[in-house]
C-alpha cells in the first residue's frame, strides 16, 4: 500500500522534471541547428541522447517528493496514527522508502556509470558532424560521399570547421534521367528559410548538364551557382 502511494507522485514528478529539462534544452538546440543550417530532425536525436543525464537529475527529486507526498497523505488522513496503533512503527513504515531508494540508486549508478557516457559521446558526435558538414552527416575530404541514391559529392579541402570548402565535385540525377555535374574551385553551405533545406553555393567552376532531350550536354562556366 505504501509502495503504491509513493509510486504515483514519484512517476509524475519524474516525468514533469524530465519534460522541463527537455523543453529548456530544446529551445537552445533549435537555435543551434538552425544557425548551422541542419535539418530539424537532428534536434530529436540530440534530445534523446540527453535523456539519461536528465533522468539522473530527476530521479532524486522524484524520490524525495514521492516519499514526502505519500507520508503527508498518511498523516492528513490519520492513517499514520492507525499504523502506529496496530504496532507498525516508523522503522517498519520506512522499509518501503528505503527499498525505493536502494533500487533507484542502482538505476542512477547504471545511468551515470554506463549509459550516460555513451549517450554523451553520441550527442557530441552529432554536434561535431553538424558543424563539419551542416547536414547532420560528416563529409570526409578526399572521398566520394553519397547523399541518397541521386547525389554524390567530393571535397578536396575543408577549412573553418567545414564552412569553407575547396575543390568541389558534385553530381546529381533526377527521375527524368537528367544529370548535373559541376566542378568548382570553392563553396560553402548556407541556411534557408526552410529548415529542412540548405544550399551549397559553388564559386568559380564549370557545370555540365545532360538530358535525353539534348543532342549534346550543355556546358556552363559560372562564377556563382547555388545547388539545393
C-alpha atoms as a PDB file:
ATOM      1  CA  UNK A   1       0.000   0.000   0.000  1.00  0.00           C
ATOM      2  CA  UNK A   2       2.792   2.425   0.869  1.00  0.00           C
ATOM      3  CA  UNK A   3       4.691   1.431  -2.273  1.00  0.00           C
ATOM      4  CA  UNK A   4       1.666   2.424  -4.364  1.00  0.00           C
ATOM      5  CA  UNK A   5       1.298   5.743  -2.523  1.00  0.00           C
ATOM      6  CA  UNK A   6       4.952   6.564  -3.279  1.00  0.00           C
ATOM      7  CA  UNK A   7       4.967   5.330  -6.879  1.00  0.00           C
ATOM      8  CA  UNK A   8       2.271   7.618  -8.305  1.00  0.00           C
ATOM      9  CA  UNK A   9       3.771  11.006  -7.230  1.00  0.00           C
ATOM     10  CA  UNK A  10       7.277   9.663  -7.907  1.00  0.00           C
ATOM     11  CA  UNK A  11       6.424   8.823 -11.512  1.00  0.00           C
ATOM     12  CA  UNK A  12       4.527  12.073 -12.058  1.00  0.00           C
ATOM     13  CA  UNK A  13       7.349  14.185 -10.643  1.00  0.00           C
ATOM     14  CA  UNK A  14       9.944  12.338 -12.716  1.00  0.00           C
ATOM     15  CA  UNK A  15       8.010  12.896 -15.957  1.00  0.00           C
ATOM     16  CA  UNK A  16       7.458  16.601 -15.217  1.00  0.00           C
ATOM     17  CA  UNK A  17      11.107  17.156 -14.240  1.00  0.00           C
ATOM     18  CA  UNK A  18      12.425  15.476 -17.399  1.00  0.00           C
ATOM     19  CA  UNK A  19       9.975  17.437 -19.562  1.00  0.00           C
ATOM     20  CA  UNK A  20      11.158  20.730 -18.036  1.00  0.00           C
ATOM     21  CA  UNK A  21      14.798  19.829 -18.681  1.00  0.00           C
ATOM     22  CA  UNK A  22      13.971  18.802 -22.263  1.00  0.00           C
ATOM     23  CA  UNK A  23      11.997  21.977 -23.020  1.00  0.00           C
ATOM     24  CA  UNK A  24      14.811  24.163 -21.728  1.00  0.00           C
ATOM     25  CA  UNK A  25      17.384  22.349 -23.851  1.00  0.00           C
ATOM     26  CA  UNK A  26      15.150  22.026 -26.914  1.00  0.00           C
ATOM     27  CA  UNK A  27      14.923  25.793 -27.485  1.00  0.00           C
ATOM     28  CA  UNK A  28      18.696  26.164 -27.452  1.00  0.00           C
ATOM     29  CA  UNK A  29      19.161  23.153 -29.743  1.00  0.00           C
ATOM     30  CA  UNK A  30      16.679  24.554 -32.279  1.00  0.00           C
ATOM     31  CA  UNK A  31      18.675  27.796 -32.419  1.00  0.00           C
ATOM     32  CA  UNK A  32      21.941  25.884 -32.779  1.00  0.00           C
ATOM     33  CA  UNK A  33      20.701  23.566 -35.545  1.00  0.00           C
ATOM     34  CA  UNK A  34      19.040  26.390 -37.486  1.00  0.00           C
ATOM     35  CA  UNK A  35      22.162  28.545 -37.286  1.00  0.00           C
ATOM     36  CA  UNK A  36      24.251  25.645 -38.545  1.00  0.00           C
ATOM     37  CA  UNK A  37      21.780  25.028 -41.397  1.00  0.00           C
ATOM     38  CA  UNK A  38      20.962  21.435 -40.421  1.00  0.00           C
ATOM     39  CA  UNK A  39      17.657  19.509 -40.593  1.00  0.00           C
ATOM     40  CA  UNK A  40      15.212  19.812 -37.685  1.00  0.00           C
ATOM     41  CA  UNK A  41      15.140  16.035 -37.177  1.00  0.00           C
ATOM     42  CA  UNK A  42      18.653  16.283 -35.706  1.00  0.00           C
ATOM     43  CA  UNK A  43      17.154  18.035 -32.646  1.00  0.00           C
ATOM     44  CA  UNK A  44      15.166  14.941 -31.623  1.00  0.00           C
ATOM     45  CA  UNK A  45      18.238  12.728 -31.906  1.00  0.00           C
ATOM     46  CA  UNK A  46      20.237  15.116 -29.744  1.00  0.00           C
ATOM     47  CA  UNK A  47      17.476  15.319 -27.121  1.00  0.00           C
ATOM     48  CA  UNK A  48      17.201  11.527 -26.988  1.00  0.00           C
ATOM     49  CA  UNK A  49      20.898  11.328 -26.138  1.00  0.00           C
ATOM     50  CA  UNK A  50      20.389  13.861 -23.319  1.00  0.00           C
ATOM     51  CA  UNK A  51      17.617  11.844 -21.607  1.00  0.00           C
ATOM     52  CA  UNK A  52      19.973   9.707 -19.434  1.00  0.00           C
ATOM     53  CA  UNK A  53      21.532  12.848 -17.980  1.00  0.00           C
ATOM     54  CA  UNK A  54      18.115  14.346 -17.230  1.00  0.00           C
ATOM     55  CA  UNK A  55      16.922  11.098 -15.628  1.00  0.00           C
ATOM     56  CA  UNK A  56      19.884  11.101 -13.235  1.00  0.00           C
ATOM     57  CA  UNK A  57      18.898  14.626 -12.143  1.00  0.00           C
ATOM     58  CA  UNK A  58      15.173  13.892 -11.928  1.00  0.00           C
ATOM     59  CA  UNK A  59      15.268  10.587 -10.022  1.00  0.00           C
ATOM     60  CA  UNK A  60      16.453  12.027  -6.645  1.00  0.00           C
ATOM     61  CA  UNK A  61      13.899  14.874  -6.859  1.00  0.00           C
ATOM     62  CA  UNK A  62      11.086  12.473  -7.764  1.00  0.00           C
ATOM     63  CA  UNK A  63      12.011  10.050  -4.970  1.00  0.00           C
ATOM     64  CA  UNK A  64      12.055  12.789  -2.335  1.00  0.00           C
ATOM     65  CA  UNK A  65       8.705  14.266  -3.391  1.00  0.00           C
ATOM     66  CA  UNK A  66       7.155  10.813  -3.778  1.00  0.00           C
ATOM     67  CA  UNK A  67       8.024   9.889  -0.185  1.00  0.00           C
ATOM     68  CA  UNK A  68       7.003  13.280   1.229  1.00  0.00           C
ATOM     69  CA  UNK A  69       3.632  13.310  -0.532  1.00  0.00           C
ATOM     70  CA  UNK A  70       2.909   9.680   0.386  1.00  0.00           C
ATOM     71  CA  UNK A  71       3.555  10.204   4.101  1.00  0.00           C
ATOM     72  CA  UNK A  72       1.734  13.531   4.014  1.00  0.00           C
ATOM     73  CA  UNK A  73      -1.352  11.721   2.754  1.00  0.00           C
ATOM     74  CA  UNK A  74      -0.987   9.115   5.529  1.00  0.00           C
ATOM     75  CA  UNK A  75      -0.708  11.898   8.116  1.00  0.00           C
ATOM     76  CA  UNK A  76      -3.602  14.055   6.867  1.00  0.00           C
ATOM     77  CA  UNK A  77      -5.965  11.063   6.609  1.00  0.00           C
ATOM     78  CA  UNK A  78      -4.962   9.815  10.113  1.00  0.00           C
ATOM     79  CA  UNK A  79      -3.746   6.541   8.612  1.00  0.00           C
ATOM     80  CA  UNK A  80      -0.359   7.134  10.188  1.00  0.00           C
ATOM     81  CA  UNK A  81      -1.974   7.044  13.630  1.00  0.00           C
ATOM     82  CA  UNK A  82      -3.759   3.818  12.733  1.00  0.00           C
ATOM     83  CA  UNK A  83      -0.485   2.199  11.625  1.00  0.00           C
ATOM     84  CA  UNK A  84       1.126   3.123  14.932  1.00  0.00           C
ATOM     85  CA  UNK A  85      -1.914   1.930  16.908  1.00  0.00           C
ATOM     86  CA  UNK A  86      -1.650  -1.556  15.414  1.00  0.00           C
ATOM     87  CA  UNK A  87       2.075  -1.767  16.097  1.00  0.00           C
ATOM     88  CA  UNK A  88       3.511  -0.557  12.772  1.00  0.00           C
ATOM     89  CA  UNK A  89       6.283   1.773  13.912  1.00  0.00           C
ATOM     90  CA  UNK A  90       8.295   4.253  11.892  1.00  0.00           C
ATOM     91  CA  UNK A  91      11.204   1.853  11.237  1.00  0.00           C
ATOM     92  CA  UNK A  92       8.842  -0.626   9.585  1.00  0.00           C
ATOM     93  CA  UNK A  93       6.989   2.079   7.664  1.00  0.00           C
ATOM     94  CA  UNK A  94      10.309   3.368   6.300  1.00  0.00           C
ATOM     95  CA  UNK A  95      11.257  -0.039   4.947  1.00  0.00           C
ATOM     96  CA  UNK A  96       9.487   0.598   1.610  1.00  0.00           C
ATOM     97  CA  UNK A  97      11.069   4.065   1.075  1.00  0.00           C
ATOM     98  CA  UNK A  98      14.482   2.541   1.752  1.00  0.00           C
ATOM     99  CA  UNK A  99      13.815  -0.181  -0.822  1.00  0.00           C
ATOM    100  CA  UNK A 100      12.839   2.506  -3.334  1.00  0.00           C
ATOM    101  CA  UNK A 101      15.995   4.466  -2.515  1.00  0.00           C
ATOM    102  CA  UNK A 102      18.276   1.433  -2.941  1.00  0.00           C
ATOM    103  CA  UNK A 103      16.651   0.387  -6.230  1.00  0.00           C
ATOM    104  CA  UNK A 104      16.746   3.892  -7.726  1.00  0.00           C
ATOM    105  CA  UNK A 105      20.324   4.396  -6.515  1.00  0.00           C
ATOM    106  CA  UNK A 106      21.319   1.319  -8.509  1.00  0.00           C
ATOM    107  CA  UNK A 107      19.450   2.656 -11.534  1.00  0.00           C
ATOM    108  CA  UNK A 108      21.195   6.015 -11.165  1.00  0.00           C
ATOM    109  CA  UNK A 109      24.564   4.290 -10.823  1.00  0.00           C
ATOM    110  CA  UNK A 110      23.946   2.373 -14.055  1.00  0.00           C
ATOM    111  CA  UNK A 111      22.867   5.539 -15.870  1.00  0.00           C
ATOM    112  CA  UNK A 112      25.810   7.638 -14.678  1.00  0.00           C
ATOM    113  CA  UNK A 113      28.440   4.918 -14.977  1.00  0.00           C
ATOM    114  CA  UNK A 114      27.435   3.205 -18.232  1.00  0.00           C
ATOM    115  CA  UNK A 115      24.554   4.739 -20.208  1.00  0.00           C
ATOM    116  CA  UNK A 116      25.303   8.458 -19.863  1.00  0.00           C
ATOM    117  CA  UNK A 117      28.908   8.352 -21.192  1.00  0.00           C
ATOM    118  CA  UNK A 118      27.794   6.598 -24.394  1.00  0.00           C
ATOM    119  CA  UNK A 119      24.822   8.931 -24.812  1.00  0.00           C
ATOM    120  CA  UNK A 120      27.001  11.999 -24.242  1.00  0.00           C
ATOM    121  CA  UNK A 121      29.555  10.732 -26.760  1.00  0.00           C
ATOM    122  CA  UNK A 122      26.785  10.242 -29.334  1.00  0.00           C
ATOM    123  CA  UNK A 123      25.463  13.741 -28.586  1.00  0.00           C
ATOM    124  CA  UNK A 124      28.862  15.354 -29.082  1.00  0.00           C
ATOM    125  CA  UNK A 125      29.335  13.285 -32.251  1.00  0.00           C
ATOM    126  CA  UNK A 126      26.134  14.719 -33.716  1.00  0.00           C
ATOM    127  CA  UNK A 127      27.246  18.263 -32.813  1.00  0.00           C
ATOM    128  CA  UNK A 128      30.607  17.667 -34.492  1.00  0.00           C
ATOM    129  CA  UNK A 129      29.064  16.237 -37.652  1.00  0.00           C
ATOM    130  CA  UNK A 130      26.578  19.091 -37.858  1.00  0.00           C
ATOM    131  CA  UNK A 131      29.304  21.699 -37.548  1.00  0.00           C
ATOM    132  CA  UNK A 132      31.564  19.937 -40.036  1.00  0.00           C
ATOM    133  CA  UNK A 133      29.041  19.216 -42.761  1.00  0.00           C
ATOM    134  CA  UNK A 134      25.981  21.256 -41.769  1.00  0.00           C
ATOM    135  CA  UNK A 135      23.885  18.312 -42.957  1.00  0.00           C
ATOM    136  CA  UNK A 136      23.756  16.118 -39.894  1.00  0.00           C
ATOM    137  CA  UNK A 137      26.284  13.895 -41.683  1.00  0.00           C
ATOM    138  CA  UNK A 138      30.053  14.130 -41.919  1.00  0.00           C
ATOM    139  CA  UNK A 139      31.602  14.896 -45.305  1.00  0.00           C
ATOM    140  CA  UNK A 140      35.102  13.452 -45.406  1.00  0.00           C
ATOM    141  CA  UNK A 141      37.650  15.278 -47.523  1.00  0.00           C
ATOM    142  CA  UNK A 142      39.210  13.373 -50.400  1.00  0.00           C
ATOM    143  CA  UNK A 143      36.405  10.794 -50.501  1.00  0.00           C
ATOM    144  CA  UNK A 144      33.202  10.412 -52.516  1.00  0.00           C
ATOM    145  CA  UNK A 145      30.164  10.913 -50.268  1.00  0.00           C
ATOM    146  CA  UNK A 146      26.699   9.775 -51.327  1.00  0.00           C
ATOM    147  CA  UNK A 147      23.566  11.633 -50.232  1.00  0.00           C
ATOM    148  CA  UNK A 148      20.818   9.164 -51.006  1.00  0.00           C
ATOM    149  CA  UNK A 149      20.872   7.445 -54.388  1.00  0.00           C
ATOM    150  CA  UNK A 150      20.927  10.500 -56.636  1.00  0.00           C
ATOM    151  CA  UNK A 151      23.698  12.761 -55.353  1.00  0.00           C
ATOM    152  CA  UNK A 152      27.459  12.294 -54.987  1.00  0.00           C
ATOM    153  CA  UNK A 153      29.963  14.822 -53.695  1.00  0.00           C
ATOM    154  CA  UNK A 154      33.724  15.016 -53.289  1.00  0.00           C
ATOM    155  CA  UNK A 155      35.642  17.765 -51.466  1.00  0.00           C
ATOM    156  CA  UNK A 156      39.405  18.225 -51.591  1.00  0.00           C
ATOM    157  CA  UNK A 157      39.843  20.562 -48.598  1.00  0.00           C
ATOM    158  CA  UNK A 158      37.753  21.752 -45.673  1.00  0.00           C
ATOM    159  CA  UNK A 159      38.502  24.866 -43.593  1.00  0.00           C
ATOM    160  CA  UNK A 160      36.858  26.947 -40.859  1.00  0.00           C
ATOM    161  CA  UNK A 161      35.179  23.889 -39.267  1.00  0.00           C
ATOM    162  CA  UNK A 162      33.656  22.776 -42.561  1.00  0.00           C
ATOM    163  CA  UNK A 163      32.207  26.135 -43.576  1.00  0.00           C
ATOM    164  CA  UNK A 164      34.715  26.855 -46.347  1.00  0.00           C
ATOM    165  CA  UNK A 165      35.212  24.085 -48.898  1.00  0.00           C
ATOM    166  CA  UNK A 166      37.822  23.831 -51.649  1.00  0.00           C
ATOM    167  CA  UNK A 167      37.994  21.689 -54.776  1.00  0.00           C
ATOM    168  CA  UNK A 168      34.366  20.563 -55.022  1.00  0.00           C
ATOM    169  CA  UNK A 169      32.921  17.973 -57.377  1.00  0.00           C
ATOM    170  CA  UNK A 170      29.192  17.273 -57.282  1.00  0.00           C
ATOM    171  CA  UNK A 171      26.906  15.108 -59.413  1.00  0.00           C
ATOM    172  CA  UNK A 172      23.126  14.851 -59.136  1.00  0.00           C
ATOM    173  CA  UNK A 173      20.499  12.959 -61.128  1.00  0.00           C
ATOM    174  CA  UNK A 174      16.700  13.138 -61.105  1.00  0.00           C
ATOM    175  CA  UNK A 175      13.971  10.672 -62.084  1.00  0.00           C
ATOM    176  CA  UNK A 176      13.863  12.021 -65.648  1.00  0.00           C
ATOM    177  CA  UNK A 177      17.411  10.728 -66.194  1.00  0.00           C
ATOM    178  CA  UNK A 178      18.698  14.265 -66.285  1.00  0.00           C
ATOM    179  CA  UNK A 179      22.108  14.639 -64.659  1.00  0.00           C
ATOM    180  CA  UNK A 180      24.011  17.637 -63.403  1.00  0.00           C
ATOM    181  CA  UNK A 181      27.770  17.579 -62.789  1.00  0.00           C
ATOM    182  CA  UNK A 182      29.767  20.522 -61.503  1.00  0.00           C
ATOM    183  CA  UNK A 183      33.377  21.185 -60.628  1.00  0.00           C
ATOM    184  CA  UNK A 184      34.076  24.310 -58.561  1.00  0.00           C
ATOM    185  CA  UNK A 185      37.104  25.974 -57.013  1.00  0.00           C
ATOM    186  CA  UNK A 186      35.326  26.625 -53.689  1.00  0.00           C
ATOM    187  CA  UNK A 187      31.960  26.612 -51.989  1.00  0.00           C
ATOM    188  CA  UNK A 188      30.077  26.892 -48.729  1.00  0.00           C
ATOM    189  CA  UNK A 189      26.822  25.728 -47.136  1.00  0.00           C
ATOM    190  CA  UNK A 190      24.135  28.328 -46.464  1.00  0.00           C
ATOM    191  CA  UNK A 191      20.916  28.181 -44.450  1.00  0.00           C
ATOM    192  CA  UNK A 192      17.486  28.936 -45.962  1.00  0.00           C
ATOM    193  CA  UNK A 193      14.061  29.838 -44.617  1.00  0.00           C
ATOM    194  CA  UNK A 194      13.131  26.155 -44.978  1.00  0.00           C
ATOM    195  CA  UNK A 195      14.707  24.347 -42.022  1.00  0.00           C
ATOM    196  CA  UNK A 196      14.874  21.066 -43.959  1.00  0.00           C
ATOM    197  CA  UNK A 197      16.756  22.562 -46.927  1.00  0.00           C
ATOM    198  CA  UNK A 198      20.216  24.088 -47.217  1.00  0.00           C
ATOM    199  CA  UNK A 199      22.081  25.488 -50.201  1.00  0.00           C
ATOM    200  CA  UNK A 200      25.559  24.638 -51.430  1.00  0.00           C
ATOM    201  CA  UNK A 201      26.889  27.795 -53.091  1.00  0.00           C
ATOM    202  CA  UNK A 202      29.609  26.960 -55.635  1.00  0.00           C
ATOM    203  CA  UNK A 203      32.139  29.551 -56.780  1.00  0.00           C
ATOM    204  CA  UNK A 204      34.250  29.654 -59.979  1.00  0.00           C
ATOM    205  CA  UNK A 205      33.563  26.424 -61.793  1.00  0.00           C
ATOM    206  CA  UNK A 206      32.159  24.541 -64.761  1.00  0.00           C
ATOM    207  CA  UNK A 207      28.731  22.863 -64.933  1.00  0.00           C
ATOM    208  CA  UNK A 208      27.743  20.010 -67.252  1.00  0.00           C
ATOM    209  CA  UNK A 209      24.003  19.420 -67.824  1.00  0.00           C
ATOM    210  CA  UNK A 210      22.980  16.174 -69.567  1.00  0.00           C
ATOM    211  CA  UNK A 211      19.468  15.151 -70.591  1.00  0.00           C
ATOM    212  CA  UNK A 212      17.850  12.729 -73.092  1.00  0.00           C
ATOM    213  CA  UNK A 213      16.291  15.849 -74.654  1.00  0.00           C
ATOM    214  CA  UNK A 214      19.699  17.300 -75.555  1.00  0.00           C
ATOM    215  CA  UNK A 215      21.749  16.209 -78.555  1.00  0.00           C
ATOM    216  CA  UNK A 216      24.877  17.235 -76.654  1.00  0.00           C
ATOM    217  CA  UNK A 217      25.442  18.067 -72.986  1.00  0.00           C
ATOM    218  CA  UNK A 218      25.265  21.739 -72.100  1.00  0.00           C
ATOM    219  CA  UNK A 219      28.404  23.279 -70.626  1.00  0.00           C
ATOM    220  CA  UNK A 220      28.244  26.380 -68.451  1.00  0.00           C
ATOM    221  CA  UNK A 221      31.067  28.355 -66.850  1.00  0.00           C
ATOM    222  CA  UNK A 222      29.937  30.183 -63.728  1.00  0.00           C
ATOM    223  CA  UNK A 223      31.270  32.459 -61.015  1.00  0.00           C
ATOM    224  CA  UNK A 224      28.481  31.551 -58.562  1.00  0.00           C
ATOM    225  CA  UNK A 225      25.934  28.727 -58.658  1.00  0.00           C
ATOM    226  CA  UNK A 226      23.512  27.505 -55.946  1.00  0.00           C
ATOM    227  CA  UNK A 227      22.687  23.818 -55.519  1.00  0.00           C
ATOM    228  CA  UNK A 228      19.824  23.000 -53.081  1.00  0.00           C
END
